[in-house]
């Protein structure tokens, strides 16, 4: 018996915590029962529903045991196929620039946290200096 094939519209009909389907590597998974057990919280899974979540799944860096666990929830094939081959053909230089962008993103986020704190400390110091005169 051949596996059931699901369309994108089929998958989009299951984007809630009551019925949650994911597409990863051309396969459709019903992960509804797993939502509460997911170590990253159910919100992260819900944010990847209704689309091909292969990139989201791979970017997280799931372990081999997590990939095996996913097989438990397999319900069929995705009519769009596996989106991973196109991602696998990304040249190494492009991967390095993606890594550099992620590092810059981290630095930018840190800057956005540190700068307001620094401004607050300077403002408090000035306030203390001028109020004690």
Protein backbone atom coordinates (compact mmCIF):
# COMPACT_ATOMS: atom_id res chain seq x y z
CA UNK A 1 0.00 0.00 0.00
CA UNK A 2 1.44 3.37 -0.99
CA UNK A 3 1.57 6.13 1.62
CA UNK A 4 -1.09 8.84 1.65
CA UNK A 5 -0.03 12.05 -0.09
CA UNK A 6 -1.01 15.37 1.46
CA UNK A 7 -1.16 18.79 -0.18
CA UNK A 8 -0.13 22.10 1.32
CA UNK A 9 -3.80 22.96 1.87
CA UNK A 10 -4.21 19.68 3.82
CA UNK A 11 -1.30 20.65 6.05
CA UNK A 12 -2.57 24.22 6.50
CA UNK A 13 -5.80 22.81 7.93
CA UNK A 14 -3.84 21.42 10.92
CA UNK A 15 -2.07 24.38 12.55
CA UNK A 16 -3.45 24.38 16.07
CA UNK A 17 -2.64 22.70 19.35
CA UNK A 18 -5.70 20.47 18.76
CA UNK A 19 -4.37 19.17 15.42
CA UNK A 20 -0.78 19.95 14.51
CA UNK A 21 0.91 18.69 11.34
CA UNK A 22 4.45 19.38 10.16
CA UNK A 23 6.19 18.82 6.84
CA UNK A 24 9.85 17.83 7.17
CA UNK A 25 11.94 16.42 4.33
CA UNK A 26 8.92 15.69 2.15
CA UNK A 27 7.03 13.77 4.83
CA UNK A 28 3.95 14.82 6.81
CA UNK A 29 3.86 14.27 10.56
CA UNK A 30 0.98 14.62 13.02
CA UNK A 31 2.84 15.88 16.10
CA UNK A 32 -0.24 16.89 18.11
CA UNK A 33 0.47 14.34 20.86
CA UNK A 34 4.09 15.52 21.09
CA UNK A 35 3.38 19.24 21.60
CA UNK A 36 3.43 19.13 25.40
CA UNK A 37 6.59 16.97 25.46
CA UNK A 38 8.67 19.10 23.07
CA UNK A 39 11.71 20.40 24.99
CA UNK A 40 11.56 23.76 23.19
CA UNK A 41 7.87 24.24 24.02
CA UNK A 42 4.86 23.79 21.81
CA UNK A 43 4.92 27.38 20.50
CA UNK A 44 8.06 26.70 18.47
CA UNK A 45 6.34 23.78 16.72
CA UNK A 46 3.15 25.74 16.12
CA UNK A 47 5.17 28.51 14.46
CA UNK A 48 6.39 25.98 11.86
CA UNK A 49 3.01 24.52 10.89
CA UNK A 50 1.17 25.20 7.66
CA UNK A 51 4.34 25.20 5.56
CA UNK A 52 7.38 23.09 4.74
CA UNK A 53 9.24 23.18 8.08
CA UNK A 54 12.37 21.38 6.86
CA UNK A 55 14.59 24.47 7.15
CA UNK A 56 13.24 25.30 10.62
CA UNK A 57 13.79 21.70 11.73
CA UNK A 58 17.36 21.55 10.40
CA UNK A 59 18.41 24.99 11.66
CA UNK A 60 17.64 23.95 15.23
CA UNK A 61 20.13 21.10 14.93
CA UNK A 62 17.97 18.24 16.18
CA UNK A 63 19.77 15.14 17.43
CA UNK A 64 19.55 11.76 15.72
CA UNK A 65 17.25 10.55 18.50
CA UNK A 66 14.91 13.49 17.85
CA UNK A 67 14.88 12.59 14.15
CA UNK A 68 14.05 8.97 15.01
CA UNK A 69 11.30 10.10 17.39
CA UNK A 70 9.74 12.10 14.55
CA UNK A 71 9.16 8.85 12.62
CA UNK A 72 6.64 7.82 15.29
CA UNK A 73 4.34 10.60 14.07
CA UNK A 74 4.64 9.97 10.30
CA UNK A 75 1.26 10.00 8.53
CA UNK A 76 2.21 10.35 4.86
CA UNK A 77 4.12 12.06 2.06
CA UNK A 78 4.05 15.74 1.08
CA UNK A 79 3.02 16.40 -2.51
CA UNK A 80 5.64 19.16 -2.70
CA UNK A 81 8.42 16.63 -2.10
CA UNK A 82 11.56 17.20 -0.09
CA UNK A 83 12.83 20.78 -0.08
CA UNK A 84 16.21 19.72 1.35
CA UNK A 85 18.02 18.91 -1.92
CA UNK A 86 17.97 22.57 -2.95
CA UNK A 87 19.33 23.53 0.47
CA UNK A 88 22.05 20.88 0.19
CA UNK A 89 23.29 22.48 -3.05
CA UNK A 90 24.13 25.78 -1.34
CA UNK A 91 27.81 26.47 -2.04
CA UNK A 92 30.17 26.39 0.98
CA UNK A 93 30.92 30.12 0.61
CA UNK A 94 27.23 30.84 0.96
CA UNK A 95 27.03 28.69 4.11
CA UNK A 96 29.94 30.65 5.60
CA UNK A 97 28.25 33.97 4.84
CA UNK A 98 25.03 32.66 6.44
CA UNK A 99 27.03 31.76 9.54
CA UNK A 100 28.59 35.23 9.58
CA UNK A 101 25.14 36.82 9.29
CA UNK A 102 23.93 34.79 12.27
CA UNK A 103 26.97 35.92 14.28
CA UNK A 104 26.27 39.55 13.32
CA UNK A 105 22.65 39.05 14.36
CA UNK A 106 23.80 37.85 17.79
CA UNK A 107 26.12 40.82 18.16
CA UNK A 108 23.35 43.22 17.13
CA UNK A 109 20.93 41.69 19.64
CA UNK A 110 23.55 41.99 22.40
CA UNK A 111 24.16 45.62 21.43
CA UNK A 112 20.43 46.34 21.63
CA UNK A 113 20.43 45.05 25.21
CA UNK A 114 23.70 46.58 26.40
CA UNK A 115 23.23 50.08 24.94
CA UNK A 116 19.98 50.89 26.81
CA UNK A 117 21.52 49.56 30.02
CA UNK A 118 24.60 51.73 29.50
CA UNK A 119 22.41 54.79 28.88
CA UNK A 120 20.46 54.03 32.05
CA UNK A 121 23.65 53.73 34.13
CA UNK A 122 24.98 57.05 32.76
CA UNK A 123 21.64 58.76 33.42
CA UNK A 124 21.55 57.45 37.00
CA UNK A 125 25.16 58.53 37.58
CA UNK A 126 24.44 62.03 36.26
CA UNK A 127 21.27 62.23 38.35
CA UNK A 128 23.17 61.16 41.47
CA UNK A 129 26.00 63.62 40.74
CA UNK A 130 23.74 66.63 40.17
CA UNK A 131 21.31 65.86 43.01
CA UNK A 132 24.11 65.59 45.57
CA UNK A 133 25.44 69.13 44.82
